[in-house]
Amino acid sequence: MNSAFPQILISQLTTAAPYLLLYTVCFFCSLALRSRAPKAATLALIGTAILFVVSFFGTLITVYFINMQIGGSIPVEKMNLIFNGLGIVRALGYVIGFAGVFAAVFVGRNDNAQPVSRSRPPAPPVVNQPPPVA
């Protein structure tokens, strides 16, 4: 490993720390509220766990390949292909994780609930008045 590896890793994990903290807090909140809404909490648990894993391990793998690139052991063309593939995999992981969280919002809703009426009463008719005289 290159001597820059720890510095790059700390820098990248510092950048990802707010997201990792958010995913961790959401995970434990879902765990705490599991008895109240089991289906929604389970979906949220799965979604936040996926988001955490993708963010944390995606960062580690990215730093590893950056270190390999600094060391010059992988050609630039191959490195571009690796980073593009890694970006696609991470994006798909985020989509799957957020889909779980999004599904948790809507699962278990009461299907018999009455829809909210968005209609307004008709507007009063417009009366043409002559313009005011100055």
N, C-alpha and C. Protein backbone atom coordinates (compact mmCIF):
# COMPACT_ATOMS: atom_id res chain seq x y z
N MET A 1 0.83 -1.18 0.00
CA MET A 1 0.00 0.00 0.00
C MET A 1 0.88 1.25 0.00
N ASN A 2 0.36 2.25 -0.60
CA ASN A 2 1.04 3.54 -0.67
C ASN A 2 0.92 4.25 0.67
N SER A 3 1.85 5.12 0.97
CA SER A 3 1.79 5.85 2.24
C SER A 3 0.66 6.87 2.26
N ALA A 4 0.08 7.18 1.10
CA ALA A 4 -1.03 8.14 1.04
C ALA A 4 -2.37 7.48 1.34
N PHE A 5 -2.39 6.14 1.42
CA PHE A 5 -3.65 5.43 1.62
C PHE A 5 -4.41 5.88 2.87
N PRO A 6 -3.76 5.94 4.05
CA PRO A 6 -4.53 6.36 5.24
C PRO A 6 -5.07 7.78 5.13
N GLN A 7 -4.30 8.68 4.54
CA GLN A 7 -4.76 10.07 4.40
C GLN A 7 -5.96 10.15 3.47
N ILE A 8 -5.90 9.44 2.36
CA ILE A 8 -7.02 9.45 1.42
C ILE A 8 -8.25 8.80 2.05
N LEU A 9 -8.03 7.70 2.77
CA LEU A 9 -9.16 7.01 3.41
C LEU A 9 -9.83 7.92 4.44
N ILE A 10 -9.05 8.57 5.28
CA ILE A 10 -9.63 9.47 6.29
C ILE A 10 -10.37 10.62 5.62
N SER A 11 -9.79 11.16 4.55
CA SER A 11 -10.44 12.25 3.83
C SER A 11 -11.78 11.82 3.24
N GLN A 12 -11.81 10.66 2.62
CA GLN A 12 -13.05 10.18 2.01
C GLN A 12 -14.09 9.80 3.05
N LEU A 13 -13.66 9.17 4.14
CA LEU A 13 -14.61 8.81 5.19
C LEU A 13 -15.14 10.04 5.92
N THR A 14 -14.32 11.07 6.02
CA THR A 14 -14.78 12.33 6.61
C THR A 14 -15.87 12.95 5.73
N THR A 15 -15.69 12.87 4.43
CA THR A 15 -16.70 13.39 3.51
C THR A 15 -17.99 12.57 3.60
N ALA A 16 -17.86 11.26 3.77
CA ALA A 16 -19.04 10.39 3.82
C ALA A 16 -19.66 10.33 5.22
N ALA A 17 -19.00 10.86 6.23
CA ALA A 17 -19.45 10.73 7.62
C ALA A 17 -20.87 11.23 7.88
N PRO A 18 -21.29 12.40 7.35
CA PRO A 18 -22.67 12.82 7.62
C PRO A 18 -23.71 11.83 7.09
N TYR A 19 -23.45 11.27 5.92
CA TYR A 19 -24.39 10.29 5.37
C TYR A 19 -24.38 9.00 6.19
N LEU A 20 -23.18 8.55 6.56
CA LEU A 20 -23.09 7.34 7.37
C LEU A 20 -23.78 7.52 8.71
N LEU A 21 -23.64 8.70 9.31
CA LEU A 21 -24.32 8.99 10.57
C LEU A 21 -25.84 8.99 10.38
N LEU A 22 -26.29 9.61 9.32
CA LEU A 22 -27.73 9.64 9.03
C LEU A 22 -28.29 8.24 8.84
N TYR A 23 -27.60 7.41 8.06
CA TYR A 23 -28.07 6.04 7.82
C TYR A 23 -28.07 5.24 9.12
N THR A 24 -27.08 5.47 9.99
CA THR A 24 -27.02 4.75 11.26
C THR A 24 -28.16 5.17 12.18
N VAL A 25 -28.42 6.47 12.27
CA VAL A 25 -29.52 6.96 13.10
C VAL A 25 -30.86 6.43 12.59
N CYS A 26 -31.06 6.48 11.29
CA CYS A 26 -32.31 5.96 10.71
C CYS A 26 -32.46 4.47 10.96
N PHE A 27 -31.36 3.73 10.89
CA PHE A 27 -31.39 2.30 11.14
C PHE A 27 -31.87 2.03 12.56
N PHE A 28 -31.28 2.72 13.54
CA PHE A 28 -31.66 2.47 14.93
C PHE A 28 -33.05 3.02 15.26
N CYS A 29 -33.46 4.09 14.62
CA CYS A 29 -34.85 4.57 14.81
C CYS A 29 -35.84 3.56 14.27
N SER A 30 -35.54 2.98 13.13
CA SER A 30 -36.41 1.95 12.56
C SER A 30 -36.45 0.72 13.45
N LEU A 31 -35.31 0.39 14.02
CA LEU A 31 -35.24 -0.75 14.93
C LEU A 31 -36.07 -0.49 16.18
N ALA A 32 -36.01 0.73 16.70
CA ALA A 32 -36.76 1.08 17.90
C ALA A 32 -38.26 1.10 17.67
N LEU A 33 -38.68 1.48 16.47
CA LEU A 33 -40.11 1.59 16.17
C LEU A 33 -40.67 0.35 15.47
N ARG A 34 -39.94 -0.73 15.53
CA ARG A 34 -40.34 -1.93 14.81
C ARG A 34 -41.65 -2.51 15.34
N SER A 35 -41.91 -2.41 16.63
CA SER A 35 -43.13 -2.98 17.20
C SER A 35 -44.36 -2.15 16.79
N ARG A 36 -44.15 -0.89 16.51
CA ARG A 36 -45.27 -0.01 16.16
C ARG A 36 -45.75 -0.22 14.73
N ALA A 37 -44.82 -0.36 13.81
CA ALA A 37 -45.16 -0.58 12.39
C ALA A 37 -44.13 -1.56 11.82
N PRO A 38 -44.37 -2.86 11.98
CA PRO A 38 -43.34 -3.84 11.63
C PRO A 38 -42.96 -3.87 10.14
N LYS A 39 -43.92 -3.75 9.25
CA LYS A 39 -43.61 -3.81 7.82
C LYS A 39 -42.80 -2.58 7.38
N ALA A 40 -43.26 -1.42 7.81
CA ALA A 40 -42.56 -0.19 7.44
C ALA A 40 -41.16 -0.16 8.04
N ALA A 41 -41.03 -0.58 9.29
CA ALA A 41 -39.72 -0.57 9.94
C ALA A 41 -38.77 -1.56 9.29
N THR A 42 -39.28 -2.72 8.89
CA THR A 42 -38.44 -3.70 8.22
C THR A 42 -37.93 -3.17 6.89
N LEU A 43 -38.80 -2.56 6.11
CA LEU A 43 -38.37 -1.97 4.84
C LEU A 43 -37.35 -0.85 5.07
N ALA A 44 -37.59 -0.04 6.08
CA ALA A 44 -36.65 1.05 6.38
C ALA A 44 -35.31 0.49 6.87
N LEU A 45 -35.35 -0.57 7.67
CA LEU A 45 -34.12 -1.21 8.13
C LEU A 45 -33.30 -1.74 6.95
N ILE A 46 -33.97 -2.44 6.06
CA ILE A 46 -33.28 -2.98 4.89
C ILE A 46 -32.72 -1.86 4.03
N GLY A 47 -33.54 -0.84 3.79
CA GLY A 47 -33.10 0.28 2.95
C GLY A 47 -31.92 1.02 3.53
N THR A 48 -31.97 1.33 4.83
CA THR A 48 -30.86 2.08 5.43
C THR A 48 -29.61 1.22 5.56
N ALA A 49 -29.79 -0.08 5.78
CA ALA A 49 -28.62 -0.97 5.83
C ALA A 49 -27.94 -1.02 4.47
N ILE A 50 -28.72 -1.11 3.41
CA ILE A 50 -28.15 -1.10 2.05
C ILE A 50 -27.44 0.21 1.78
N LEU A 51 -28.06 1.32 2.15
CA LEU A 51 -27.43 2.62 1.94
C LEU A 51 -26.12 2.74 2.70
N PHE A 52 -26.08 2.26 3.94
CA PHE A 52 -24.86 2.32 4.73
C PHE A 52 -23.76 1.47 4.10
N VAL A 53 -24.11 0.24 3.73
CA VAL A 53 -23.11 -0.67 3.15
C VAL A 53 -22.57 -0.11 1.84
N VAL A 54 -23.45 0.38 0.99
CA VAL A 54 -23.00 0.93 -0.29
C VAL A 54 -22.10 2.14 -0.07
N SER A 55 -22.48 3.01 0.84
CA SER A 55 -21.68 4.20 1.09
C SER A 55 -20.33 3.86 1.71
N PHE A 56 -20.32 3.02 2.73
CA PHE A 56 -19.08 2.71 3.44
C PHE A 56 -18.13 1.89 2.58
N PHE A 57 -18.62 0.76 2.07
CA PHE A 57 -17.73 -0.11 1.29
C PHE A 57 -17.42 0.48 -0.08
N GLY A 58 -18.33 1.25 -0.64
CA GLY A 58 -18.03 1.94 -1.89
C GLY A 58 -16.88 2.93 -1.70
N THR A 59 -16.87 3.60 -0.55
CA THR A 59 -15.77 4.51 -0.25
C THR A 59 -14.46 3.75 -0.08
N LEU A 60 -14.49 2.64 0.65
CA LEU A 60 -13.28 1.85 0.84
C LEU A 60 -12.73 1.32 -0.48
N ILE A 61 -13.60 0.81 -1.32
CA ILE A 61 -13.15 0.27 -2.61
C ILE A 61 -12.61 1.39 -3.49
N THR A 62 -13.26 2.53 -3.48
CA THR A 62 -12.78 3.67 -4.28
C THR A 62 -11.39 4.10 -3.82
N VAL A 63 -11.19 4.19 -2.51
CA VAL A 63 -9.88 4.58 -1.99
C VAL A 63 -8.83 3.54 -2.35
N TYR A 64 -9.20 2.28 -2.29
CA TYR A 64 -8.26 1.22 -2.66
C TYR A 64 -7.80 1.39 -4.11
N PHE A 65 -8.74 1.64 -5.02
CA PHE A 65 -8.36 1.79 -6.42
C PHE A 65 -7.63 3.10 -6.69
N ILE A 66 -7.95 4.14 -5.93
CA ILE A 66 -7.18 5.38 -6.06
C ILE A 66 -5.73 5.12 -5.65
N ASN A 67 -5.55 4.35 -4.58
CA ASN A 67 -4.21 4.00 -4.13
C ASN A 67 -3.49 3.16 -5.19
N MET A 68 -4.19 2.26 -5.83
CA MET A 68 -3.59 1.45 -6.89
C MET A 68 -3.18 2.33 -8.07
N GLN A 69 -3.99 3.34 -8.35
CA GLN A 69 -3.68 4.25 -9.45
C GLN A 69 -2.45 5.10 -9.12
N ILE A 70 -2.35 5.55 -7.87
CA ILE A 70 -1.19 6.33 -7.46
C ILE A 70 0.08 5.48 -7.57
N GLY A 71 -0.02 4.21 -7.20
CA GLY A 71 1.12 3.32 -7.28
C GLY A 71 1.51 2.97 -8.71
N GLY A 72 0.61 3.22 -9.66
CA GLY A 72 0.90 2.96 -11.06
C GLY A 72 0.80 1.51 -11.45
N SER A 73 0.16 0.67 -10.64
CA SER A 73 0.08 -0.75 -10.96
C SER A 73 -1.05 -1.10 -11.92
N ILE A 74 -1.94 -0.17 -12.17
CA ILE A 74 -3.05 -0.41 -13.11
C ILE A 74 -3.02 0.68 -14.17
N PRO A 75 -3.12 0.31 -15.46
CA PRO A 75 -3.13 1.33 -16.51
C PRO A 75 -4.34 2.26 -16.39
N VAL A 76 -4.19 3.46 -16.90
CA VAL A 76 -5.23 4.49 -16.79
C VAL A 76 -6.52 4.05 -17.47
N GLU A 77 -6.43 3.42 -18.64
CA GLU A 77 -7.63 2.99 -19.36
C GLU A 77 -8.43 1.98 -18.53
N LYS A 78 -7.73 1.04 -17.92
CA LYS A 78 -8.41 0.04 -17.09
C LYS A 78 -8.99 0.70 -15.84
N MET A 79 -8.27 1.67 -15.29
CA MET A 79 -8.75 2.37 -14.10
C MET A 79 -10.04 3.14 -14.40
N ASN A 80 -10.11 3.76 -15.57
CA ASN A 80 -11.34 4.46 -15.96
C ASN A 80 -12.51 3.50 -16.04
N LEU A 81 -12.28 2.33 -16.60
CA LEU A 81 -13.33 1.32 -16.70
C LEU A 81 -13.76 0.85 -15.30
N ILE A 82 -12.80 0.67 -14.41
CA ILE A 82 -13.11 0.24 -13.04
C ILE A 82 -13.94 1.30 -12.32
N PHE A 83 -13.53 2.58 -12.43
CA PHE A 83 -14.27 3.64 -11.75
C PHE A 83 -15.67 3.83 -12.33
N ASN A 84 -15.81 3.68 -13.64
CA ASN A 84 -17.15 3.77 -14.24
C ASN A 84 -18.04 2.64 -13.74
N GLY A 85 -17.51 1.42 -13.71
CA GLY A 85 -18.29 0.29 -13.21
C GLY A 85 -18.64 0.45 -11.74
N LEU A 86 -17.68 0.92 -10.96
CA LEU A 86 -17.93 1.15 -9.54
C LEU A 86 -19.01 2.21 -9.33
N GLY A 87 -18.97 3.25 -10.14
CA GLY A 87 -20.00 4.30 -10.04
C GLY A 87 -21.38 3.78 -10.37
N ILE A 88 -21.47 2.93 -11.38
CA ILE A 88 -22.77 2.35 -11.76
C ILE A 88 -23.29 1.44 -10.65
N VAL A 89 -22.42 0.61 -10.10
CA VAL A 89 -22.83 -0.30 -9.02
C VAL A 89 -23.28 0.49 -7.79
N ARG A 90 -22.53 1.54 -7.44
CA ARG A 90 -22.93 2.36 -6.29
C ARG A 90 -24.26 3.05 -6.55
N ALA A 91 -24.46 3.56 -7.74
CA ALA A 91 -25.73 4.23 -8.06
C ALA A 91 -26.90 3.25 -7.96
N LEU A 92 -26.72 2.05 -8.46
CA LEU A 92 -27.78 1.05 -8.34
C LEU A 92 -28.03 0.67 -6.89
N GLY A 93 -26.98 0.59 -6.10
CA GLY A 93 -27.15 0.31 -4.67
C GLY A 93 -27.93 1.41 -3.97
N TYR A 94 -27.63 2.66 -4.31
CA TYR A 94 -28.38 3.77 -3.72
C TYR A 94 -29.84 3.74 -4.15
N VAL A 95 -30.10 3.40 -5.40
CA VAL A 95 -31.48 3.33 -5.87
C VAL A 95 -32.25 2.25 -5.10
N ILE A 96 -31.63 1.10 -4.92
CA ILE A 96 -32.29 0.00 -4.19
C ILE A 96 -32.52 0.40 -2.73
N GLY A 97 -31.53 1.02 -2.11
CA GLY A 97 -31.67 1.44 -0.71
C GLY A 97 -32.74 2.48 -0.52
N PHE A 98 -32.75 3.49 -1.38
CA PHE A 98 -33.77 4.54 -1.27
C PHE A 98 -35.15 4.00 -1.64
N ALA A 99 -35.21 3.00 -2.51
CA ALA A 99 -36.50 2.38 -2.83
C ALA A 99 -37.07 1.69 -1.60
N GLY A 100 -36.23 1.06 -0.80
CA GLY A 100 -36.70 0.44 0.44
C GLY A 100 -37.22 1.47 1.42
N VAL A 101 -36.50 2.57 1.57
CA VAL A 101 -36.95 3.63 2.47
C VAL A 101 -38.23 4.27 1.95
N PHE A 102 -38.30 4.49 0.65
CA PHE A 102 -39.49 5.09 0.04
C PHE A 102 -40.70 4.16 0.20
N ALA A 103 -40.49 2.87 0.00
CA ALA A 103 -41.59 1.91 0.17
C ALA A 103 -42.06 1.87 1.61
N ALA A 104 -41.16 2.09 2.56
CA ALA A 104 -41.54 2.08 3.97
C ALA A 104 -42.52 3.20 4.30
N VAL A 105 -42.46 4.28 3.55
CA VAL A 105 -43.36 5.40 3.79
C VAL A 105 -44.80 5.01 3.47
N PHE A 106 -44.99 4.18 2.45
CA PHE A 106 -46.33 3.90 1.96
C PHE A 106 -46.89 2.54 2.36
N VAL A 107 -46.09 1.66 2.93
CA VAL A 107 -46.60 0.34 3.28
C VAL A 107 -47.51 0.45 4.50
N GLY A 108 -48.56 -0.36 4.50
CA GLY A 108 -49.46 -0.41 5.64
C GLY A 108 -50.43 0.74 5.74
N ARG A 109 -50.55 1.51 4.69
CA ARG A 109 -51.54 2.60 4.71
C ARG A 109 -52.93 2.00 4.64
N ASN A 110 -53.90 2.66 5.23
CA ASN A 110 -55.27 2.19 5.23
C ASN A 110 -55.86 2.38 3.84
N ASP A 111 -56.22 1.28 3.19
CA ASP A 111 -56.78 1.36 1.85
C ASP A 111 -58.20 1.89 1.84
N ASN A 112 -58.88 1.87 2.98
CA ASN A 112 -60.26 2.34 3.05
C ASN A 112 -60.37 3.82 3.36
N ALA A 113 -59.24 4.49 3.45
CA ALA A 113 -59.27 5.92 3.78
C ALA A 113 -59.92 6.69 2.65
N GLN A 114 -60.66 7.70 3.03
CA GLN A 114 -61.33 8.54 2.04
C GLN A 114 -60.31 9.50 1.41
N PRO A 115 -60.36 9.63 0.10
CA PRO A 115 -59.42 10.57 -0.53
C PRO A 115 -59.77 12.00 -0.15
N VAL A 116 -58.78 12.81 -0.08
CA VAL A 116 -58.98 14.22 0.25
C VAL A 116 -59.51 14.93 -0.98
N SER A 117 -60.59 15.67 -0.80
CA SER A 117 -61.18 16.40 -1.92
C SER A 117 -60.35 17.64 -2.19
N ARG A 118 -59.93 17.78 -3.41
CA ARG A 118 -59.13 18.94 -3.79
C ARG A 118 -59.95 19.97 -4.57
N SER A 119 -61.24 19.70 -4.70
CA SER A 119 -62.06 20.63 -5.48
C SER A 119 -62.48 21.81 -4.62
N ARG A 120 -62.59 22.94 -5.26
CA ARG A 120 -63.03 24.17 -4.59
C ARG A 120 -64.40 24.55 -5.12
N PRO A 121 -65.13 25.32 -4.34
CA PRO A 121 -66.41 25.80 -4.89
C PRO A 121 -66.13 26.72 -6.07
N PRO A 122 -67.08 26.80 -6.99
CA PRO A 122 -66.85 27.65 -8.17
C PRO A 122 -66.66 29.12 -7.77
N ALA A 123 -65.85 29.78 -8.54
CA ALA A 123 -65.58 31.20 -8.30
C ALA A 123 -66.82 32.01 -8.66
N PRO A 124 -67.03 33.12 -7.97
CA PRO A 124 -68.18 33.97 -8.31
C PRO A 124 -68.00 34.54 -9.71
N PRO A 125 -69.09 34.86 -10.37
CA PRO A 125 -68.98 35.40 -11.73
C PRO A 125 -68.29 36.78 -11.72
N VAL A 126 -67.56 37.03 -12.78
CA VAL A 126 -66.88 38.31 -12.92
C VAL A 126 -67.87 39.33 -13.46
N VAL A 127 -67.96 40.44 -12.78
CA VAL A 127 -68.88 41.51 -13.21
C VAL A 127 -68.02 42.58 -13.86
N ASN A 128 -68.39 42.92 -15.08
CA ASN A 128 -67.66 43.97 -15.80
C ASN A 128 -68.10 45.31 -15.25
N GLN A 129 -67.18 46.03 -14.70
CA GLN A 129 -67.47 47.36 -14.20
C GLN A 129 -66.72 48.37 -15.05
N PRO A 130 -67.29 49.54 -15.20
CA PRO A 130 -66.57 50.56 -15.96
C PRO A 130 -65.33 51.00 -15.20
N PRO A 131 -64.30 51.41 -15.92
CA PRO A 131 -63.09 51.85 -15.22
C PRO A 131 -63.36 53.11 -14.41
N PRO A 132 -62.67 53.26 -13.29
CA PRO A 132 -62.91 54.44 -12.45
C PRO A 132 -62.47 55.72 -13.18
N VAL A 133 -63.23 56.77 -12.97
CA VAL A 133 -62.93 58.06 -13.59
C VAL A 133 -61.99 58.82 -12.66
N ALA A 134 -60.94 59.36 -13.24
CA ALA A 134 -59.98 60.09 -12.42
C ALA A 134 -60.24 61.56 -12.38
